[in-house]
N, C-alpha and C. Protein backbone atom coordinates (compact mmCIF):
# COMPACT_ATOMS: atom_id res chain seq x y z
N MET A 1 -7.79 -36.21 56.89
CA MET A 1 -6.45 -36.77 56.96
C MET A 1 -5.62 -36.22 55.82
N ASN A 2 -4.41 -35.83 56.13
CA ASN A 2 -3.49 -35.26 55.15
C ASN A 2 -2.77 -36.37 54.41
N ASP A 3 -2.67 -36.22 53.09
CA ASP A 3 -2.00 -37.20 52.26
C ASP A 3 -1.11 -36.46 51.29
N LEU A 4 0.14 -36.83 51.22
CA LEU A 4 1.08 -36.22 50.30
C LEU A 4 0.95 -36.92 48.96
N THR A 5 0.57 -36.18 47.92
CA THR A 5 0.39 -36.80 46.61
C THR A 5 1.57 -36.56 45.68
N HIS A 6 2.38 -35.55 45.97
CA HIS A 6 3.57 -35.27 45.17
C HIS A 6 4.50 -34.37 45.96
N SER A 7 5.78 -34.60 45.85
CA SER A 7 6.77 -33.71 46.44
C SER A 7 8.10 -33.91 45.76
N ASN A 8 8.83 -32.81 45.58
CA ASN A 8 10.19 -32.94 45.10
C ASN A 8 11.18 -33.03 46.27
N ARG A 9 10.66 -33.08 47.50
CA ARG A 9 11.48 -33.22 48.71
C ARG A 9 11.13 -34.54 49.39
N GLN A 10 11.90 -35.57 49.12
CA GLN A 10 11.63 -36.89 49.69
C GLN A 10 12.01 -36.97 51.17
N ASP A 11 12.76 -35.98 51.66
CA ASP A 11 13.18 -36.00 53.06
C ASP A 11 12.14 -35.40 54.00
N MET A 12 10.99 -34.98 53.48
CA MET A 12 9.94 -34.39 54.32
C MET A 12 8.73 -35.32 54.36
N SER A 13 8.17 -35.47 55.55
CA SER A 13 6.96 -36.29 55.71
C SER A 13 5.73 -35.48 55.32
N ALA A 14 4.60 -36.16 55.19
CA ALA A 14 3.34 -35.49 54.89
C ALA A 14 3.02 -34.46 55.98
N ALA A 15 3.28 -34.81 57.23
CA ALA A 15 3.02 -33.88 58.34
C ALA A 15 3.90 -32.64 58.23
N GLU A 16 5.14 -32.81 57.83
CA GLU A 16 6.05 -31.66 57.67
C GLU A 16 5.60 -30.77 56.51
N HIS A 17 5.11 -31.39 55.43
CA HIS A 17 4.59 -30.60 54.31
C HIS A 17 3.35 -29.82 54.73
N LEU A 18 2.46 -30.44 55.52
CA LEU A 18 1.29 -29.74 56.02
C LEU A 18 1.70 -28.55 56.89
N GLN A 19 2.68 -28.76 57.74
CA GLN A 19 3.18 -27.67 58.60
C GLN A 19 3.75 -26.54 57.73
N HIS A 20 4.48 -26.90 56.67
CA HIS A 20 5.06 -25.88 55.79
C HIS A 20 3.95 -25.13 55.04
N PHE A 21 2.93 -25.86 54.58
CA PHE A 21 1.76 -25.25 53.96
C PHE A 21 1.14 -24.21 54.89
N ARG A 22 0.94 -24.59 56.15
CA ARG A 22 0.35 -23.69 57.13
C ARG A 22 1.21 -22.44 57.33
N LYS A 23 2.52 -22.65 57.41
CA LYS A 23 3.45 -21.53 57.59
C LYS A 23 3.35 -20.54 56.42
N LEU A 24 3.29 -21.04 55.20
CA LEU A 24 3.20 -20.17 54.02
C LEU A 24 1.90 -19.38 54.01
N VAL A 25 0.78 -20.02 54.35
CA VAL A 25 -0.51 -19.33 54.39
C VAL A 25 -0.51 -18.28 55.50
N GLU A 26 0.00 -18.64 56.68
CA GLU A 26 0.03 -17.68 57.79
C GLU A 26 0.92 -16.49 57.47
N LYS A 27 1.98 -16.71 56.73
CA LYS A 27 2.87 -15.62 56.36
C LYS A 27 2.19 -14.69 55.35
N ALA A 28 1.51 -15.25 54.37
CA ALA A 28 0.84 -14.43 53.35
C ALA A 28 -0.38 -13.72 53.93
N ARG A 29 -1.13 -14.40 54.75
CA ARG A 29 -2.34 -13.93 55.43
C ARG A 29 -3.50 -13.58 54.51
N VAL A 30 -3.27 -12.82 53.44
CA VAL A 30 -4.35 -12.44 52.54
C VAL A 30 -4.34 -13.37 51.34
N GLY A 31 -5.47 -14.02 51.12
CA GLY A 31 -5.62 -14.92 49.98
C GLY A 31 -6.68 -14.39 49.04
N MET A 32 -6.60 -14.81 47.81
CA MET A 32 -7.63 -14.47 46.83
C MET A 32 -8.62 -15.63 46.79
N LEU A 33 -9.85 -15.36 47.22
CA LEU A 33 -10.92 -16.36 47.22
C LEU A 33 -11.63 -16.31 45.88
N THR A 34 -11.69 -17.44 45.18
CA THR A 34 -12.37 -17.53 43.90
C THR A 34 -13.62 -18.38 44.04
N THR A 35 -14.74 -17.83 43.58
CA THR A 35 -16.03 -18.52 43.58
C THR A 35 -16.61 -18.44 42.17
N LEU A 36 -17.70 -19.16 41.95
CA LEU A 36 -18.45 -19.07 40.70
C LEU A 36 -19.71 -18.27 40.95
N ASP A 37 -19.99 -17.30 40.05
CA ASP A 37 -21.23 -16.55 40.21
C ASP A 37 -22.37 -17.30 39.50
N ARG A 38 -23.54 -16.71 39.47
CA ARG A 38 -24.71 -17.39 38.89
C ARG A 38 -24.58 -17.65 37.39
N ASP A 39 -23.74 -16.86 36.73
CA ASP A 39 -23.51 -17.06 35.29
C ASP A 39 -22.33 -17.99 35.03
N MET A 40 -21.86 -18.65 36.09
CA MET A 40 -20.72 -19.57 36.02
C MET A 40 -19.42 -18.87 35.64
N GLU A 41 -19.34 -17.59 35.96
CA GLU A 41 -18.10 -16.84 35.78
C GLU A 41 -17.33 -16.86 37.09
N MET A 42 -16.02 -17.00 37.00
CA MET A 42 -15.19 -17.00 38.21
C MET A 42 -15.00 -15.57 38.69
N ARG A 43 -15.08 -15.41 40.02
CA ARG A 43 -14.85 -14.11 40.65
C ARG A 43 -13.87 -14.30 41.79
N SER A 44 -12.91 -13.41 41.87
CA SER A 44 -11.91 -13.47 42.96
C SER A 44 -11.90 -12.17 43.71
N ARG A 45 -11.65 -12.30 45.01
CA ARG A 45 -11.51 -11.13 45.86
C ARG A 45 -10.61 -11.48 47.04
N PRO A 46 -9.89 -10.47 47.57
CA PRO A 46 -8.98 -10.75 48.69
C PRO A 46 -9.74 -10.94 49.99
N LEU A 47 -9.26 -11.90 50.79
CA LEU A 47 -9.79 -12.13 52.13
C LEU A 47 -8.62 -12.35 53.09
N HIS A 48 -8.74 -11.78 54.25
CA HIS A 48 -7.72 -11.95 55.29
C HIS A 48 -7.98 -13.25 56.04
N THR A 49 -7.00 -14.12 56.10
CA THR A 49 -7.14 -15.39 56.81
C THR A 49 -7.04 -15.12 58.30
N ILE A 50 -8.07 -15.51 59.03
CA ILE A 50 -8.12 -15.28 60.48
C ILE A 50 -7.40 -16.39 61.23
N GLU A 51 -7.56 -17.62 60.74
CA GLU A 51 -6.92 -18.76 61.42
C GLU A 51 -6.65 -19.88 60.43
N VAL A 52 -5.55 -20.59 60.65
CA VAL A 52 -5.24 -21.82 59.93
C VAL A 52 -5.13 -22.92 60.99
N GLU A 53 -6.07 -23.86 60.97
CA GLU A 53 -6.05 -24.94 61.97
C GLU A 53 -4.92 -25.92 61.67
N GLU A 54 -4.62 -26.75 62.66
CA GLU A 54 -3.57 -27.77 62.51
C GLU A 54 -3.79 -28.66 61.30
N ASN A 55 -5.07 -28.96 60.98
CA ASN A 55 -5.40 -29.85 59.87
C ASN A 55 -5.48 -29.13 58.53
N GLY A 56 -5.23 -27.81 58.52
CA GLY A 56 -5.24 -27.03 57.29
C GLY A 56 -6.54 -26.28 57.03
N THR A 57 -7.56 -26.46 57.87
CA THR A 57 -8.82 -25.73 57.70
C THR A 57 -8.57 -24.24 57.87
N LEU A 58 -9.18 -23.43 56.99
CA LEU A 58 -8.96 -21.99 56.95
C LEU A 58 -10.23 -21.26 57.39
N TRP A 59 -10.07 -20.18 58.15
CA TRP A 59 -11.20 -19.40 58.66
C TRP A 59 -11.09 -17.95 58.24
N PHE A 60 -12.25 -17.37 57.86
CA PHE A 60 -12.35 -15.98 57.43
C PHE A 60 -13.61 -15.38 58.06
N VAL A 61 -13.67 -14.05 58.08
CA VAL A 61 -14.88 -13.33 58.49
C VAL A 61 -15.41 -12.62 57.26
N ILE A 62 -16.72 -12.80 56.98
CA ILE A 62 -17.32 -12.17 55.80
C ILE A 62 -18.70 -11.61 56.14
N GLY A 63 -19.23 -10.81 55.25
CA GLY A 63 -20.61 -10.35 55.37
C GLY A 63 -21.54 -11.46 54.93
N ALA A 64 -22.49 -11.81 55.76
CA ALA A 64 -23.39 -12.92 55.47
C ALA A 64 -24.27 -12.65 54.26
N ALA A 65 -24.50 -11.38 53.93
CA ALA A 65 -25.34 -11.02 52.79
C ALA A 65 -24.51 -10.64 51.56
N SER A 66 -23.22 -10.91 51.60
CA SER A 66 -22.33 -10.52 50.50
C SER A 66 -22.48 -11.46 49.31
N PRO A 67 -22.11 -10.98 48.11
CA PRO A 67 -22.15 -11.87 46.95
C PRO A 67 -21.31 -13.14 47.13
N LYS A 68 -20.18 -13.03 47.81
CA LYS A 68 -19.35 -14.23 48.02
C LYS A 68 -20.08 -15.27 48.85
N ALA A 69 -20.83 -14.83 49.85
CA ALA A 69 -21.60 -15.77 50.67
C ALA A 69 -22.68 -16.44 49.82
N GLU A 70 -23.31 -15.66 48.98
CA GLU A 70 -24.35 -16.21 48.09
C GLU A 70 -23.74 -17.21 47.10
N GLU A 71 -22.58 -16.87 46.54
CA GLU A 71 -21.93 -17.74 45.57
C GLU A 71 -21.46 -19.05 46.20
N VAL A 72 -21.01 -18.99 47.43
CA VAL A 72 -20.62 -20.21 48.14
C VAL A 72 -21.83 -21.13 48.26
N GLY A 73 -22.98 -20.56 48.60
CA GLY A 73 -24.19 -21.35 48.75
C GLY A 73 -24.74 -21.88 47.43
N ASP A 74 -24.53 -21.13 46.36
CA ASP A 74 -25.06 -21.53 45.05
C ASP A 74 -24.32 -22.71 44.41
N HIS A 75 -23.10 -22.94 44.78
CA HIS A 75 -22.27 -23.93 44.07
C HIS A 75 -21.66 -24.96 45.01
N ASP A 76 -22.45 -25.44 45.93
CA ASP A 76 -22.02 -26.50 46.85
C ASP A 76 -20.74 -26.16 47.59
N GLY A 77 -20.44 -24.89 47.75
CA GLY A 77 -19.28 -24.48 48.53
C GLY A 77 -17.94 -24.66 47.84
N LYS A 78 -17.93 -24.94 46.56
CA LYS A 78 -16.64 -25.14 45.87
C LYS A 78 -15.93 -23.80 45.70
N VAL A 79 -14.70 -23.75 46.21
CA VAL A 79 -13.90 -22.52 46.14
C VAL A 79 -12.44 -22.86 45.87
N CYS A 80 -11.73 -21.85 45.49
CA CYS A 80 -10.27 -21.93 45.35
C CYS A 80 -9.69 -20.70 46.02
N LEU A 81 -8.60 -20.90 46.72
CA LEU A 81 -7.88 -19.80 47.36
C LEU A 81 -6.45 -19.82 46.85
N THR A 82 -5.90 -18.64 46.60
CA THR A 82 -4.48 -18.55 46.24
C THR A 82 -3.81 -17.53 47.14
N TYR A 83 -2.58 -17.83 47.49
CA TYR A 83 -1.76 -16.96 48.33
C TYR A 83 -0.42 -16.75 47.64
N ALA A 84 0.16 -15.57 47.83
CA ALA A 84 1.49 -15.30 47.27
C ALA A 84 2.31 -14.44 48.20
N ASN A 85 3.54 -14.86 48.38
CA ASN A 85 4.57 -14.05 49.02
C ASN A 85 5.61 -13.84 47.92
N LYS A 86 5.30 -12.93 47.01
CA LYS A 86 6.10 -12.78 45.80
C LYS A 86 7.57 -12.50 46.10
N GLY A 87 7.85 -11.66 47.06
CA GLY A 87 9.22 -11.31 47.39
C GLY A 87 10.07 -12.50 47.81
N ASP A 88 9.42 -13.53 48.35
CA ASP A 88 10.13 -14.73 48.77
C ASP A 88 9.87 -15.92 47.85
N SER A 89 9.23 -15.68 46.72
CA SER A 89 8.91 -16.73 45.74
C SER A 89 8.14 -17.89 46.39
N GLU A 90 7.11 -17.55 47.18
CA GLU A 90 6.28 -18.54 47.85
C GLU A 90 4.85 -18.40 47.36
N TYR A 91 4.26 -19.53 46.93
CA TYR A 91 2.92 -19.52 46.36
C TYR A 91 2.14 -20.73 46.86
N VAL A 92 0.83 -20.53 47.10
CA VAL A 92 -0.03 -21.61 47.59
C VAL A 92 -1.35 -21.55 46.84
N SER A 93 -1.87 -22.71 46.48
CA SER A 93 -3.20 -22.83 45.90
C SER A 93 -3.97 -23.88 46.70
N VAL A 94 -5.21 -23.56 47.05
CA VAL A 94 -6.05 -24.45 47.86
C VAL A 94 -7.40 -24.61 47.17
N SER A 95 -7.81 -25.84 46.93
CA SER A 95 -9.16 -26.14 46.44
C SER A 95 -9.91 -26.80 47.57
N GLY A 96 -11.14 -26.37 47.80
CA GLY A 96 -11.86 -26.97 48.91
C GLY A 96 -13.33 -26.62 48.95
N HIS A 97 -13.91 -26.88 50.10
CA HIS A 97 -15.34 -26.68 50.35
C HIS A 97 -15.50 -25.58 51.40
N ALA A 98 -16.28 -24.57 51.05
CA ALA A 98 -16.54 -23.46 51.97
C ALA A 98 -17.95 -23.55 52.51
N GLN A 99 -18.11 -23.13 53.76
CA GLN A 99 -19.44 -23.06 54.35
C GLN A 99 -19.52 -21.89 55.31
N LEU A 100 -20.70 -21.27 55.35
CA LEU A 100 -20.93 -20.20 56.31
C LEU A 100 -21.16 -20.81 57.68
N VAL A 101 -20.55 -20.21 58.68
CA VAL A 101 -20.70 -20.69 60.06
C VAL A 101 -21.17 -19.50 60.90
N ARG A 102 -22.22 -19.73 61.66
CA ARG A 102 -22.77 -18.66 62.50
C ARG A 102 -22.64 -18.99 63.99
N ASP A 103 -21.60 -19.65 64.35
CA ASP A 103 -21.32 -20.03 65.74
C ASP A 103 -20.80 -18.79 66.49
N THR A 104 -21.62 -18.26 67.38
CA THR A 104 -21.29 -17.02 68.10
C THR A 104 -20.02 -17.16 68.92
N ALA A 105 -19.88 -18.27 69.63
CA ALA A 105 -18.68 -18.47 70.46
C ALA A 105 -17.43 -18.53 69.60
N ARG A 106 -17.49 -19.22 68.48
CA ARG A 106 -16.33 -19.33 67.58
C ARG A 106 -15.99 -17.96 66.99
N LYS A 107 -17.03 -17.21 66.62
CA LYS A 107 -16.82 -15.87 66.07
C LYS A 107 -16.13 -14.98 67.10
N GLN A 108 -16.58 -15.04 68.34
CA GLN A 108 -15.96 -14.23 69.40
C GLN A 108 -14.51 -14.65 69.64
N ALA A 109 -14.24 -15.94 69.56
CA ALA A 109 -12.88 -16.44 69.78
C ALA A 109 -11.92 -15.98 68.68
N LEU A 110 -12.43 -15.85 67.46
CA LEU A 110 -11.58 -15.46 66.33
C LEU A 110 -11.51 -13.95 66.12
N TRP A 111 -12.41 -13.22 66.74
CA TRP A 111 -12.51 -11.78 66.50
C TRP A 111 -11.26 -11.05 66.96
N ASN A 112 -10.88 -10.04 66.18
CA ASN A 112 -9.78 -9.16 66.60
C ASN A 112 -10.08 -7.73 66.12
N LYS A 113 -9.31 -6.78 66.59
CA LYS A 113 -9.56 -5.36 66.30
C LYS A 113 -9.51 -5.04 64.80
N MET A 114 -8.70 -5.76 64.05
CA MET A 114 -8.62 -5.51 62.62
C MET A 114 -9.98 -5.74 61.95
N ILE A 115 -10.72 -6.69 62.42
CA ILE A 115 -12.02 -7.01 61.82
C ILE A 115 -13.01 -5.87 62.04
N ASP A 116 -12.83 -5.12 63.14
CA ASP A 116 -13.70 -3.97 63.42
C ASP A 116 -13.69 -2.95 62.29
N VAL A 117 -12.59 -2.86 61.56
CA VAL A 117 -12.50 -1.91 60.44
C VAL A 117 -13.57 -2.23 59.40
N TRP A 118 -13.75 -3.52 59.12
CA TRP A 118 -14.72 -3.96 58.11
C TRP A 118 -16.13 -4.11 58.68
N PHE A 119 -16.20 -4.44 59.95
CA PHE A 119 -17.49 -4.68 60.60
C PHE A 119 -17.53 -3.89 61.91
N PRO A 120 -17.78 -2.57 61.83
CA PRO A 120 -17.71 -1.71 63.02
C PRO A 120 -18.73 -2.03 64.11
N LYS A 121 -19.78 -2.80 63.79
CA LYS A 121 -20.76 -3.18 64.81
C LYS A 121 -20.27 -4.36 65.64
N GLY A 122 -19.11 -4.88 65.31
CA GLY A 122 -18.50 -5.94 66.11
C GLY A 122 -19.04 -7.33 65.82
N ASP A 123 -18.64 -8.25 66.68
CA ASP A 123 -18.98 -9.66 66.47
C ASP A 123 -20.46 -9.97 66.71
N GLN A 124 -21.21 -9.00 67.22
CA GLN A 124 -22.64 -9.20 67.42
C GLN A 124 -23.47 -8.78 66.21
N ASP A 125 -22.83 -8.20 65.21
CA ASP A 125 -23.51 -7.78 63.98
C ASP A 125 -24.14 -8.99 63.31
N PRO A 126 -25.46 -8.99 63.07
CA PRO A 126 -26.12 -10.15 62.46
C PRO A 126 -25.67 -10.40 61.01
N ASN A 127 -25.04 -9.40 60.38
CA ASN A 127 -24.55 -9.57 59.01
C ASN A 127 -23.16 -10.22 58.97
N VAL A 128 -22.58 -10.48 60.11
CA VAL A 128 -21.23 -11.06 60.15
C VAL A 128 -21.33 -12.58 60.30
N ALA A 129 -20.59 -13.26 59.44
CA ALA A 129 -20.52 -14.72 59.53
C ALA A 129 -19.06 -15.15 59.35
N LEU A 130 -18.79 -16.35 59.78
CA LEU A 130 -17.49 -16.95 59.52
C LEU A 130 -17.58 -17.76 58.23
N LEU A 131 -16.49 -17.81 57.51
CA LEU A 131 -16.39 -18.67 56.34
C LEU A 131 -15.31 -19.69 56.66
N LYS A 132 -15.71 -20.94 56.68
CA LYS A 132 -14.80 -22.05 56.96
C LYS A 132 -14.50 -22.74 55.63
N VAL A 133 -13.21 -22.86 55.30
CA VAL A 133 -12.82 -23.56 54.09
C VAL A 133 -12.05 -24.82 54.49
N THR A 134 -12.64 -25.94 54.12
CA THR A 134 -12.01 -27.24 54.36
C THR A 134 -11.31 -27.66 53.08
N PRO A 135 -9.98 -27.71 53.09
CA PRO A 135 -9.26 -28.05 51.86
C PRO A 135 -9.51 -29.49 51.42
N HIS A 136 -9.61 -29.67 50.11
CA HIS A 136 -9.62 -31.01 49.52
C HIS A 136 -8.24 -31.32 48.97
N GLN A 137 -7.61 -30.30 48.39
CA GLN A 137 -6.23 -30.45 47.96
C GLN A 137 -5.56 -29.09 47.97
N ALA A 138 -4.26 -29.12 48.09
CA ALA A 138 -3.47 -27.89 48.08
C ALA A 138 -2.14 -28.18 47.41
N GLU A 139 -1.56 -27.12 46.90
CA GLU A 139 -0.23 -27.24 46.32
C GLU A 139 0.54 -25.99 46.70
N TYR A 140 1.82 -26.16 46.99
CA TYR A 140 2.64 -24.99 47.26
C TYR A 140 3.96 -25.08 46.52
N TRP A 141 4.50 -23.90 46.29
CA TRP A 141 5.81 -23.74 45.68
C TRP A 141 6.58 -22.78 46.57
N ASP A 142 7.77 -23.14 46.93
CA ASP A 142 8.62 -22.32 47.80
C ASP A 142 9.99 -22.27 47.14
N GLY A 143 10.23 -21.20 46.39
CA GLY A 143 11.46 -21.10 45.61
C GLY A 143 12.49 -20.18 46.23
N PRO A 144 13.63 -20.07 45.57
CA PRO A 144 14.68 -19.18 46.06
C PRO A 144 14.21 -17.73 46.01
N SER A 145 14.58 -16.95 47.02
CA SER A 145 14.01 -15.61 47.14
C SER A 145 14.93 -14.50 46.68
N ASN A 146 16.21 -14.77 46.49
CA ASN A 146 17.05 -13.68 46.02
C ASN A 146 17.59 -13.97 44.63
N THR A 147 17.99 -12.94 43.95
CA THR A 147 18.39 -13.04 42.55
C THR A 147 19.58 -13.96 42.35
N VAL A 148 20.55 -13.91 43.25
CA VAL A 148 21.73 -14.76 43.12
C VAL A 148 21.34 -16.24 43.20
N THR A 149 20.51 -16.59 44.16
CA THR A 149 20.06 -17.98 44.31
C THR A 149 19.21 -18.41 43.13
N GLN A 150 18.38 -17.51 42.61
CA GLN A 150 17.58 -17.82 41.43
C GLN A 150 18.48 -18.07 40.22
N PHE A 151 19.52 -17.24 40.06
CA PHE A 151 20.47 -17.42 38.96
C PHE A 151 21.19 -18.76 39.10
N TYR A 152 21.61 -19.09 40.32
CA TYR A 152 22.26 -20.39 40.56
C TYR A 152 21.33 -21.54 40.18
N ALA A 153 20.07 -21.47 40.59
CA ALA A 153 19.11 -22.53 40.28
C ALA A 153 18.95 -22.68 38.77
N PHE A 154 18.87 -21.56 38.09
CA PHE A 154 18.72 -21.58 36.64
C PHE A 154 19.96 -22.19 35.98
N ALA A 155 21.14 -21.76 36.41
CA ALA A 155 22.40 -22.27 35.84
C ALA A 155 22.54 -23.77 36.10
N LYS A 156 22.19 -24.21 37.33
CA LYS A 156 22.28 -25.63 37.66
C LYS A 156 21.34 -26.45 36.79
N ALA A 157 20.14 -25.94 36.60
CA ALA A 157 19.17 -26.66 35.76
C ALA A 157 19.65 -26.73 34.31
N MET A 158 20.22 -25.66 33.83
CA MET A 158 20.73 -25.66 32.45
C MET A 158 21.88 -26.64 32.29
N ALA A 159 22.77 -26.70 33.29
CA ALA A 159 23.96 -27.54 33.20
C ALA A 159 23.68 -29.01 33.47
N THR A 160 22.76 -29.29 34.40
CA THR A 160 22.56 -30.68 34.84
C THR A 160 21.19 -31.26 34.50
N GLY A 161 20.24 -30.39 34.18
CA GLY A 161 18.88 -30.86 33.96
C GLY A 161 18.11 -31.04 35.26
N LYS A 162 18.76 -30.85 36.40
CA LYS A 162 18.11 -30.99 37.70
C LYS A 162 17.51 -29.65 38.13
N LYS A 163 16.26 -29.72 38.58
CA LYS A 163 15.54 -28.50 38.96
C LYS A 163 15.37 -28.36 40.46
N ASP A 164 16.07 -29.17 41.24
CA ASP A 164 15.88 -29.15 42.69
C ASP A 164 16.27 -27.83 43.34
N ALA A 165 17.17 -27.08 42.75
CA ALA A 165 17.59 -25.82 43.34
C ALA A 165 16.51 -24.73 43.24
N PHE A 166 15.46 -25.00 42.44
CA PHE A 166 14.36 -24.04 42.34
C PHE A 166 13.47 -24.05 43.56
N GLY A 167 13.68 -24.97 44.49
CA GLY A 167 12.93 -24.97 45.73
C GLY A 167 11.96 -26.12 45.85
N GLU A 168 11.06 -25.98 46.82
CA GLU A 168 10.11 -27.04 47.16
C GLU A 168 8.81 -26.90 46.38
N ASN A 169 8.26 -28.05 46.03
CA ASN A 169 6.92 -28.12 45.46
C ASN A 169 6.26 -29.36 46.03
N ALA A 170 5.05 -29.21 46.53
CA ALA A 170 4.34 -30.37 47.07
C ALA A 170 2.85 -30.21 46.82
N LYS A 171 2.19 -31.34 46.57
CA LYS A 171 0.73 -31.42 46.46
C LYS A 171 0.22 -32.22 47.64
N LEU A 172 -0.77 -31.67 48.34
CA LEU A 172 -1.34 -32.30 49.51
C LEU A 172 -2.80 -32.63 49.26
N GLY A 173 -3.22 -33.82 49.66
CA GLY A 173 -4.62 -34.19 49.66
C GLY A 173 -5.12 -34.19 51.09
N PHE A 174 -6.37 -33.83 51.29
CA PHE A 174 -6.92 -33.74 52.65
C PHE A 174 -8.07 -34.70 52.80
């Protein structure tokens, strides 16, 4: 269940914030997945988001024998994902639980030609697994995207102390 824990936009419901979160992730598509290695060092690498479910669950395709798969298993699935659409001043951070999924039907349903580049043996490759990330919390920032609007937001904040022109910020609990 989605719960809005903070927002600077009181005119948006929790469901609308979840929809906006999904839109930002779908637009960015590539997120940086951060895991902990065996030495408790953080490691990040880019992953292409294959699907964002209505409830915010994120799906990826990975190598089942990859270090990221091992790290997910070593640390109870705790991960962080970050997304950025820098040109539009849009940023998302997701903390959640990751798990490897080997559901053949689900893998076939999510498969597309782009994945063939990374896994040329296709969806039947035994080294291919899905990575499902169930968010526990997420936060997004959606700011002004052009220089003039950014300057206006800065000037307004300096003159009035109000930062609302800098855009939307919301924290979501799942």
